[in-house]
Amino acid sequence: MVVDFLDIGQGDATLIRAGGRKILIDGGDDWRLLDKELRTRGVNRLDLLVLSHPHADHLGALDELVSEMPVGLLIESGFPHRTRAYARFAEAIRAHKVRLARPRGGETFMVGPLRLDVLWPPRSFLRDTDADINNNSLVVKVSYKELEVLLPGDIQEAAIERLVGGGGDLRADILKVSHQGAANGTTTAFLRQVRPRYAIISVGEGNPYGHPHPSALARLGRNVPVVARTDIDGDVSFRSDGRRIDFVR
C-alpha cells in the first residue's frame, strides 16, 4: 500500500494505491498541479474518487479530472452547494457518465485489497452549525490489512463531538488533519480516540487563512508522535506491507 498526501497548495488531495487499485480522496483547486502529481505516479485511471465536501479547495480540479481520465465510481456526501465550481463538476459527471453514490455512515466499499469504511455523515445532515458544508463532510477510513488511514474531510467541532461520542472505532495509524489544521479542525478528545502515529496537514504555503493554527499544532504535538505538513515537507508518502510503515518526507 502506498499513501501519498499530495502537495497541491491550499486544499486536499490524497492518493492511495494497493494491488493495482487506485483511490483519490479530494483533488484541490488546481488541475495542472493535480495532473502533474498523478502522471508522475503513472495514474491514468481511478477505481474510486471520493469528494469529501464541495468546497473549491477539495473540488475545483475534479471537473477536469473526470474529463481526462476514467473513474470507476465517485462517492460524495450530496450536501447541497450551489456554486459554479460544483455546477461544472456535476456537468462533467453527467457528460462522462460517472457512476455516483452518496453513502452514509456505516457503509463500506471494497476496492481490491483496500477497504473503505464511511464513518460520517449521518442519515440526516447536521444543520445550523458554524459550517454545515464542512460538518457534513464524508469521513472515511481506508484499511489495508492492519494499516488504517483516517480522512475526515473538513469536519469541525460539531461533527467531531458527534463522532467522538458515537461509539464508533476511530482508531487509525495515519490521520489526515481536518480543515488544513484550522483551530476548529480537531480536538484533544478526537486525537485520543484516533491515537494516530502520524498526522498530516495538507495546507498551502503562505495561505491567507493562517493555517495551520498554532493551537492545532500544539494539540497535535501533545498527542501525535510525528506531524508533517505539505507546505513545509512537500509530498508526504507512506509505504506499507499492511503492518510495518515506511514514512517518506
C-alpha atoms as a PDB file:
ATOM      1  CA  MET A   1       0.000   0.000   0.000  1.00  0.00           C
ATOM      2  CA  VAL A   2       1.202   3.467  -0.901  1.00  0.00           C
ATOM      3  CA  VAL A   3      -0.411   6.604   0.564  1.00  0.00           C
ATOM      4  CA  ASP A   4       0.567   9.965  -0.931  1.00  0.00           C
ATOM      5  CA  PHE A   5      -0.580  13.249   0.584  1.00  0.00           C
ATOM      6  CA  LEU A   6      -0.038  15.430  -2.457  1.00  0.00           C
ATOM      7  CA  ASP A   7       1.369  18.945  -2.296  1.00  0.00           C
ATOM      8  CA  ILE A   8      -1.274  20.747  -4.355  1.00  0.00           C
ATOM      9  CA  GLY A   9      -1.317  24.054  -2.482  1.00  0.00           C
ATOM     10  CA  GLN A  10      -4.168  25.087  -0.212  1.00  0.00           C
ATOM     11  CA  GLY A  11      -6.550  22.132  -0.080  1.00  0.00           C
ATOM     12  CA  ASP A  12      -6.529  18.340  -0.004  1.00  0.00           C
ATOM     13  CA  ALA A  13      -5.592  15.547  -2.374  1.00  0.00           C
ATOM     14  CA  THR A  14      -4.719  12.072  -1.080  1.00  0.00           C
ATOM     15  CA  LEU A  15      -3.850   9.172  -3.383  1.00  0.00           C
ATOM     16  CA  ILE A  16      -3.997   5.599  -2.055  1.00  0.00           C
ATOM     17  CA  ARG A  17      -2.797   2.620  -4.099  1.00  0.00           C
ATOM     18  CA  ALA A  18      -2.635  -1.120  -3.482  1.00  0.00           C
ATOM     19  CA  GLY A  19      -2.866  -4.212  -5.656  1.00  0.00           C
ATOM     20  CA  GLY A  20      -3.103  -2.117  -8.817  1.00  0.00           C
ATOM     21  CA  ARG A  21      -6.174  -0.268  -7.473  1.00  0.00           C
ATOM     22  CA  LYS A  22      -6.254   3.492  -7.025  1.00  0.00           C
ATOM     23  CA  ILE A  23      -8.357   5.741  -4.783  1.00  0.00           C
ATOM     24  CA  LEU A  24      -8.190   9.550  -4.791  1.00  0.00           C
ATOM     25  CA  ILE A  25      -9.723  11.497  -1.921  1.00  0.00           C
ATOM     26  CA  ASP A  26     -10.310  15.118  -2.996  1.00  0.00           C
ATOM     27  CA  GLY A  27      -8.258  16.948  -5.605  1.00  0.00           C
ATOM     28  CA  GLY A  28      -7.506  20.523  -4.667  1.00  0.00           C
ATOM     29  CA  ASP A  29      -8.282  23.536  -6.840  1.00  0.00           C
ATOM     30  CA  ASP A  30      -5.533  23.451  -9.491  1.00  0.00           C
ATOM     31  CA  TRP A  31      -5.834  20.819 -12.194  1.00  0.00           C
ATOM     32  CA  ARG A  32      -2.320  21.456 -13.517  1.00  0.00           C
ATOM     33  CA  LEU A  33      -0.788  20.631 -10.142  1.00  0.00           C
ATOM     34  CA  LEU A  34      -3.007  17.597  -9.594  1.00  0.00           C
ATOM     35  CA  ASP A  35      -2.425  16.287 -13.121  1.00  0.00           C
ATOM     36  CA  LYS A  36       1.344  16.558 -12.687  1.00  0.00           C
ATOM     37  CA  GLU A  37       1.213  14.685  -9.364  1.00  0.00           C
ATOM     38  CA  LEU A  38      -0.928  11.884 -10.789  1.00  0.00           C
ATOM     39  CA  ARG A  39       1.019  11.480 -14.023  1.00  0.00           C
ATOM     40  CA  THR A  40       4.318  11.400 -12.114  1.00  0.00           C
ATOM     41  CA  ARG A  41       2.915   8.299 -10.405  1.00  0.00           C
ATOM     42  CA  GLY A  42       1.608   6.750 -13.629  1.00  0.00           C
ATOM     43  CA  VAL A  43      -2.039   7.229 -12.644  1.00  0.00           C
ATOM     44  CA  ASN A  44      -4.325   7.396 -15.684  1.00  0.00           C
ATOM     45  CA  ARG A  45      -7.417   5.772 -14.195  1.00  0.00           C
ATOM     46  CA  LEU A  46      -9.115   5.824 -10.787  1.00  0.00           C
ATOM     47  CA  ASP A  47     -11.128   2.965  -9.342  1.00  0.00           C
ATOM     48  CA  LEU A  48     -12.702   5.257  -6.741  1.00  0.00           C
ATOM     49  CA  LEU A  49     -12.904   9.036  -6.430  1.00  0.00           C
ATOM     50  CA  VAL A  50     -14.027  10.455  -3.083  1.00  0.00           C
ATOM     51  CA  LEU A  51     -15.239  14.052  -2.767  1.00  0.00           C
ATOM     52  CA  SER A  52     -15.355  14.801   0.941  1.00  0.00           C
ATOM     53  CA  HIS A  53     -17.373  18.012   0.501  1.00  0.00           C
ATOM     54  CA  PRO A  54     -17.997  20.575  -2.245  1.00  0.00           C
ATOM     55  CA  HIS A  55     -15.649  23.407  -1.307  1.00  0.00           C
ATOM     56  CA  ALA A  56     -13.368  24.597  -4.103  1.00  0.00           C
ATOM     57  CA  ASP A  57     -10.111  23.625  -2.353  1.00  0.00           C
ATOM     58  CA  HIS A  58     -11.247  19.989  -2.462  1.00  0.00           C
ATOM     59  CA  LEU A  59     -13.387  20.076  -5.604  1.00  0.00           C
ATOM     60  CA  GLY A  60     -12.023  22.666  -8.030  1.00  0.00           C
ATOM     61  CA  ALA A  61      -9.797  20.355 -10.100  1.00  0.00           C
ATOM     62  CA  LEU A  62     -12.179  17.413 -10.273  1.00  0.00           C
ATOM     63  CA  ASP A  63     -14.290  18.511 -13.255  1.00  0.00           C
ATOM     64  CA  GLU A  64     -11.167  18.368 -15.399  1.00  0.00           C
ATOM     65  CA  LEU A  65     -10.051  15.131 -13.772  1.00  0.00           C
ATOM     66  CA  VAL A  66     -13.251  13.262 -14.696  1.00  0.00           C
ATOM     67  CA  SER A  67     -12.970  14.714 -18.212  1.00  0.00           C
ATOM     68  CA  GLU A  68      -9.384  13.481 -18.617  1.00  0.00           C
ATOM     69  CA  MET A  69      -9.377  10.003 -17.066  1.00  0.00           C
ATOM     70  CA  PRO A  70     -11.830   7.161 -16.391  1.00  0.00           C
ATOM     71  CA  VAL A  71     -13.329   6.957 -12.903  1.00  0.00           C
ATOM     72  CA  GLY A  72     -14.925   3.685 -11.813  1.00  0.00           C
ATOM     73  CA  LEU A  73     -17.067   5.162  -9.033  1.00  0.00           C
ATOM     74  CA  LEU A  74     -17.492   8.563  -7.405  1.00  0.00           C
ATOM     75  CA  ILE A  75     -18.800   8.951  -3.876  1.00  0.00           C
ATOM     76  CA  GLU A  76     -19.802  12.233  -2.250  1.00  0.00           C
ATOM     77  CA  SER A  77     -21.968  13.351   0.652  1.00  0.00           C
ATOM     78  CA  GLY A  78     -24.576  15.049  -1.536  1.00  0.00           C
ATOM     79  CA  PHE A  79     -24.820  18.058   0.750  1.00  0.00           C
ATOM     80  CA  PRO A  80     -26.288  20.822  -1.449  1.00  0.00           C
ATOM     81  CA  HIS A  81     -23.910  23.535  -2.603  1.00  0.00           C
ATOM     82  CA  ARG A  82     -24.734  25.958  -5.408  1.00  0.00           C
ATOM     83  CA  THR A  83     -21.501  27.289  -6.835  1.00  0.00           C
ATOM     84  CA  ARG A  84     -20.058  27.487 -10.324  1.00  0.00           C
ATOM     85  CA  ALA A  85     -17.323  25.043  -9.367  1.00  0.00           C
ATOM     86  CA  TYR A  86     -19.835  22.431  -8.219  1.00  0.00           C
ATOM     87  CA  ALA A  87     -22.032  23.043 -11.279  1.00  0.00           C
ATOM     88  CA  ARG A  88     -19.033  22.384 -13.561  1.00  0.00           C
ATOM     89  CA  PHE A  89     -18.244  19.227 -11.628  1.00  0.00           C
ATOM     90  CA  ALA A  90     -21.838  17.970 -11.799  1.00  0.00           C
ATOM     91  CA  GLU A  91     -21.947  18.621 -15.545  1.00  0.00           C
ATOM     92  CA  ALA A  92     -18.679  16.733 -16.070  1.00  0.00           C
ATOM     93  CA  ILE A  93     -20.059  13.778 -14.115  1.00  0.00           C
ATOM     94  CA  ARG A  94     -23.149  13.702 -16.315  1.00  0.00           C
ATOM     95  CA  ALA A  95     -21.220  14.189 -19.546  1.00  0.00           C
ATOM     96  CA  HIS A  96     -18.834  11.340 -18.821  1.00  0.00           C
ATOM     97  CA  LYS A  97     -21.440   9.082 -17.219  1.00  0.00           C
ATOM     98  CA  VAL A  98     -19.507   8.630 -13.983  1.00  0.00           C
ATOM     99  CA  ARG A  99     -21.217   6.216 -11.612  1.00  0.00           C
ATOM    100  CA  LEU A 100     -22.223   8.084  -8.456  1.00  0.00           C
ATOM    101  CA  ALA A 101     -23.124   7.071  -4.903  1.00  0.00           C
ATOM    102  CA  ARG A 102     -23.954   9.163  -1.834  1.00  0.00           C
ATOM    103  CA  PRO A 103     -23.256   6.882   1.140  1.00  0.00           C
ATOM    104  CA  ARG A 104     -23.856   7.499   4.823  1.00  0.00           C
ATOM    105  CA  GLY A 105     -22.043   6.394   7.947  1.00  0.00           C
ATOM    106  CA  GLY A 106     -21.924   2.607   8.244  1.00  0.00           C
ATOM    107  CA  GLU A 107     -21.495   1.826   4.538  1.00  0.00           C
ATOM    108  CA  THR A 108     -18.425   0.015   3.188  1.00  0.00           C
ATOM    109  CA  PHE A 109     -16.738  -0.171  -0.216  1.00  0.00           C
ATOM    110  CA  MET A 110     -14.134  -2.738  -1.285  1.00  0.00           C
ATOM    111  CA  VAL A 111     -11.568  -1.650  -3.877  1.00  0.00           C
ATOM    112  CA  GLY A 112      -9.376  -4.678  -4.490  1.00  0.00           C
ATOM    113  CA  PRO A 113      -7.411  -5.215  -1.244  1.00  0.00           C
ATOM    114  CA  LEU A 114      -8.492  -1.819   0.111  1.00  0.00           C
ATOM    115  CA  ARG A 115     -11.484  -1.445   2.405  1.00  0.00           C
ATOM    116  CA  LEU A 116     -13.129   1.965   2.693  1.00  0.00           C
ATOM    117  CA  ASP A 117     -15.492   2.485   5.617  1.00  0.00           C
ATOM    118  CA  VAL A 118     -17.722   5.555   5.629  1.00  0.00           C
ATOM    119  CA  LEU A 119     -17.982   6.878   9.197  1.00  0.00           C
ATOM    120  CA  TRP A 120     -19.840  10.139   8.507  1.00  0.00           C
ATOM    121  CA  PRO A 121     -22.204  11.902   7.681  1.00  0.00           C
ATOM    122  CA  PRO A 122     -25.281  10.512   9.416  1.00  0.00           C
ATOM    123  CA  ARG A 123     -28.558   9.733   7.635  1.00  0.00           C
ATOM    124  CA  SER A 124     -29.822  13.222   8.435  1.00  0.00           C
ATOM    125  CA  PHE A 125     -27.364  16.029   7.784  1.00  0.00           C
ATOM    126  CA  LEU A 126     -26.269  18.294  10.610  1.00  0.00           C
ATOM    127  CA  ARG A 127     -27.926  21.703  10.311  1.00  0.00           C
ATOM    128  CA  ASP A 128     -27.365  25.145  11.807  1.00  0.00           C
ATOM    129  CA  THR A 129     -23.736  24.534  12.725  1.00  0.00           C
ATOM    130  CA  ASP A 130     -20.973  27.083  12.200  1.00  0.00           C
ATOM    131  CA  ALA A 131     -20.218  25.480   8.811  1.00  0.00           C
ATOM    132  CA  ASP A 132     -22.754  22.908   7.622  1.00  0.00           C
ATOM    133  CA  ILE A 133     -20.828  22.014   4.453  1.00  0.00           C
ATOM    134  CA  ASN A 134     -17.688  21.188   6.435  1.00  0.00           C
ATOM    135  CA  ASN A 135     -19.556  19.383   9.205  1.00  0.00           C
ATOM    136  CA  ASN A 136     -21.281  17.092   6.694  1.00  0.00           C
ATOM    137  CA  SER A 137     -18.041  16.045   5.017  1.00  0.00           C
ATOM    138  CA  LEU A 138     -17.586  12.410   4.154  1.00  0.00           C
ATOM    139  CA  VAL A 139     -15.316  10.923   6.808  1.00  0.00           C
ATOM    140  CA  VAL A 140     -13.690   7.728   5.563  1.00  0.00           C
ATOM    141  CA  LYS A 141     -11.267   5.174   6.930  1.00  0.00           C
ATOM    142  CA  VAL A 142      -9.191   3.250   4.378  1.00  0.00           C
ATOM    143  CA  SER A 143      -7.745  -0.056   5.597  1.00  0.00           C
ATOM    144  CA  TYR A 144      -5.125  -2.382   4.154  1.00  0.00           C
ATOM    145  CA  LYS A 145      -4.540  -5.473   6.296  1.00  0.00           C
ATOM    146  CA  GLU A 146      -3.625  -3.987   9.697  1.00  0.00           C
ATOM    147  CA  LEU A 147      -2.953  -0.441   8.474  1.00  0.00           C
ATOM    148  CA  GLU A 148      -5.679   2.213   8.802  1.00  0.00           C
ATOM    149  CA  VAL A 149      -5.807   5.743   7.390  1.00  0.00           C
ATOM    150  CA  LEU A 150      -8.463   8.211   8.596  1.00  0.00           C
ATOM    151  CA  LEU A 151      -9.522  11.036   6.261  1.00  0.00           C
ATOM    152  CA  PRO A 152     -12.083  13.361   7.883  1.00  0.00           C
ATOM    153  CA  GLY A 153     -12.572  15.981   5.172  1.00  0.00           C
ATOM    154  CA  ASP A 154     -13.049  19.370   6.811  1.00  0.00           C
ATOM    155  CA  ILE A 155     -15.237  18.416   9.770  1.00  0.00           C
ATOM    156  CA  GLN A 156     -15.285  20.887  12.636  1.00  0.00           C
ATOM    157  CA  GLU A 157     -16.174  20.704  16.305  1.00  0.00           C
ATOM    158  CA  ALA A 158     -19.913  19.986  15.878  1.00  0.00           C
ATOM    159  CA  ALA A 159     -19.281  16.852  13.809  1.00  0.00           C
ATOM    160  CA  ILE A 160     -16.167  15.885  15.759  1.00  0.00           C
ATOM    161  CA  GLU A 161     -18.140  15.873  19.002  1.00  0.00           C
ATOM    162  CA  ARG A 162     -20.780  13.595  17.496  1.00  0.00           C
ATOM    163  CA  LEU A 163     -18.168  11.197  16.123  1.00  0.00           C
ATOM    164  CA  VAL A 164     -16.267  11.048  19.417  1.00  0.00           C
ATOM    165  CA  GLY A 165     -19.467  10.336  21.332  1.00  0.00           C
ATOM    166  CA  GLY A 166     -20.882   7.921  18.782  1.00  0.00           C
ATOM    167  CA  GLY A 167     -19.086   4.813  19.941  1.00  0.00           C
ATOM    168  CA  GLY A 168     -17.526   4.013  16.552  1.00  0.00           C
ATOM    169  CA  ASP A 169     -13.959   2.851  16.032  1.00  0.00           C
ATOM    170  CA  LEU A 170     -11.937   5.935  15.091  1.00  0.00           C
ATOM    171  CA  ARG A 171      -8.534   4.360  15.622  1.00  0.00           C
ATOM    172  CA  ALA A 172      -6.066   4.844  12.765  1.00  0.00           C
ATOM    173  CA  ASP A 173      -2.318   4.734  12.208  1.00  0.00           C
ATOM    174  CA  ILE A 174      -2.330   7.780   9.923  1.00  0.00           C
ATOM    175  CA  LEU A 175      -4.604  10.820  10.256  1.00  0.00           C
ATOM    176  CA  LYS A 176      -5.213  13.494   7.652  1.00  0.00           C
ATOM    177  CA  VAL A 177      -5.819  16.564   9.825  1.00  0.00           C
ATOM    178  CA  SER A 178      -9.199  18.175   9.172  1.00  0.00           C
ATOM    179  CA  HIS A 179      -9.634  21.648   7.689  1.00  0.00           C
ATOM    180  CA  GLN A 180      -5.952  22.288   6.845  1.00  0.00           C
ATOM    181  CA  GLY A 181      -5.077  22.413  10.526  1.00  0.00           C
ATOM    182  CA  ALA A 182      -7.586  25.107  11.495  1.00  0.00           C
ATOM    183  CA  ALA A 183      -8.172  25.735  15.193  1.00  0.00           C
ATOM    184  CA  ASN A 184     -11.591  24.043  14.970  1.00  0.00           C
ATOM    185  CA  GLY A 185     -10.433  21.062  12.897  1.00  0.00           C
ATOM    186  CA  THR A 186      -9.502  18.737  15.724  1.00  0.00           C
ATOM    187  CA  THR A 187      -9.892  18.262  19.464  1.00  0.00           C
ATOM    188  CA  THR A 188      -7.932  16.510  22.167  1.00  0.00           C
ATOM    189  CA  ALA A 189     -10.767  14.020  22.705  1.00  0.00           C
ATOM    190  CA  PHE A 190     -10.753  13.182  18.998  1.00  0.00           C
ATOM    191  CA  LEU A 191      -6.993  12.633  18.893  1.00  0.00           C
ATOM    192  CA  ARG A 192      -7.159  10.418  21.979  1.00  0.00           C
ATOM    193  CA  GLN A 193      -9.698   8.188  20.246  1.00  0.00           C
ATOM    194  CA  VAL A 194      -7.865   8.061  16.914  1.00  0.00           C
ATOM    195  CA  ARG A 195      -4.428   7.563  18.516  1.00  0.00           C
ATOM    196  CA  PRO A 196      -2.514   8.130  15.262  1.00  0.00           C
ATOM    197  CA  ARG A 197       1.190   7.525  14.892  1.00  0.00           C
ATOM    198  CA  TYR A 198       1.343  10.106  12.099  1.00  0.00           C
ATOM    199  CA  ALA A 199      -0.724  13.216  11.379  1.00  0.00           C
ATOM    200  CA  ILE A 200      -0.542  15.033   8.046  1.00  0.00           C
ATOM    201  CA  ILE A 201      -1.664  18.616   7.439  1.00  0.00           C
ATOM    202  CA  SER A 202      -2.412  19.320   3.777  1.00  0.00           C
ATOM    203  CA  VAL A 203      -2.021  23.084   3.518  1.00  0.00           C
ATOM    204  CA  GLY A 204      -0.797  25.784   1.147  1.00  0.00           C
ATOM    205  CA  GLU A 205       2.395  27.704   1.802  1.00  0.00           C
ATOM    206  CA  GLY A 206       1.717  31.296   2.885  1.00  0.00           C
ATOM    207  CA  ASN A 207      -2.053  30.809   2.770  1.00  0.00           C
ATOM    208  CA  PRO A 208      -4.233  33.782   3.831  1.00  0.00           C
ATOM    209  CA  TYR A 209      -6.186  31.797   6.453  1.00  0.00           C
ATOM    210  CA  GLY A 210      -3.409  31.340   8.995  1.00  0.00           C
ATOM    211  CA  HIS A 211      -3.490  27.547   8.571  1.00  0.00           C
ATOM    212  CA  PRO A 212      -2.293  25.598  10.407  1.00  0.00           C
ATOM    213  CA  HIS A 213      -3.332  27.387  13.575  1.00  0.00           C
ATOM    214  CA  PRO A 214      -0.834  27.441  16.487  1.00  0.00           C
ATOM    215  CA  SER A 215      -3.411  25.902  18.837  1.00  0.00           C
ATOM    216  CA  ALA A 216      -3.942  22.974  16.465  1.00  0.00           C
ATOM    217  CA  LEU A 217      -0.202  22.452  16.100  1.00  0.00           C
ATOM    218  CA  ALA A 218       0.200  22.458  19.890  1.00  0.00           C
ATOM    219  CA  ARG A 219      -2.640  19.964  20.301  1.00  0.00           C
ATOM    220  CA  LEU A 220      -1.170  17.682  17.646  1.00  0.00           C
ATOM    221  CA  GLY A 221       2.291  17.992  19.163  1.00  0.00           C
ATOM    222  CA  ARG A 222       0.989  16.781  22.528  1.00  0.00           C
ATOM    223  CA  ASN A 223      -0.884  13.797  21.118  1.00  0.00           C
ATOM    224  CA  VAL A 224       0.805  12.573  17.918  1.00  0.00           C
ATOM    225  CA  PRO A 225       4.407  11.320  17.681  1.00  0.00           C
ATOM    226  CA  VAL A 226       5.006  12.601  14.121  1.00  0.00           C
ATOM    227  CA  VAL A 227       3.324  15.578  12.438  1.00  0.00           C
ATOM    228  CA  ALA A 228       4.082  16.508   8.805  1.00  0.00           C
ATOM    229  CA  ARG A 229       2.700  19.262   6.586  1.00  0.00           C
ATOM    230  CA  THR A 230       2.755  19.699   2.835  1.00  0.00           C
ATOM    231  CA  ASP A 231       3.612  23.414   2.915  1.00  0.00           C
ATOM    232  CA  ILE A 232       6.951  22.581   4.552  1.00  0.00           C
ATOM    233  CA  ASP A 233       7.592  18.954   3.576  1.00  0.00           C
ATOM    234  CA  GLY A 234       6.066  18.841   0.083  1.00  0.00           C
ATOM    235  CA  ASP A 235       4.532  15.498  -0.846  1.00  0.00           C
ATOM    236  CA  VAL A 236       4.254  13.219   2.191  1.00  0.00           C
ATOM    237  CA  SER A 237       4.259   9.485   1.452  1.00  0.00           C
ATOM    238  CA  PHE A 238       3.860   6.208   3.302  1.00  0.00           C
ATOM    239  CA  ARG A 239       4.550   2.687   2.125  1.00  0.00           C
ATOM    240  CA  SER A 240       3.369  -0.363   3.996  1.00  0.00           C
ATOM    241  CA  ASP A 241       3.019  -4.109   3.743  1.00  0.00           C
ATOM    242  CA  GLY A 242      -0.088  -3.752   5.901  1.00  0.00           C
ATOM    243  CA  ARG A 243       1.863  -3.952   9.141  1.00  0.00           C
ATOM    244  CA  ARG A 244       5.168  -2.032   9.043  1.00  0.00           C
ATOM    245  CA  ILE A 245       5.062   1.610   7.839  1.00  0.00           C
ATOM    246  CA  ASP A 246       7.858   3.363   5.941  1.00  0.00           C
ATOM    247  CA  PHE A 247       7.483   7.134   6.155  1.00  0.00           C
ATOM    248  CA  VAL A 248       8.955   9.370   3.436  1.00  0.00           C
ATOM    249  CA  ARG A 249       9.056  13.147   3.974  1.00  0.00           C
END
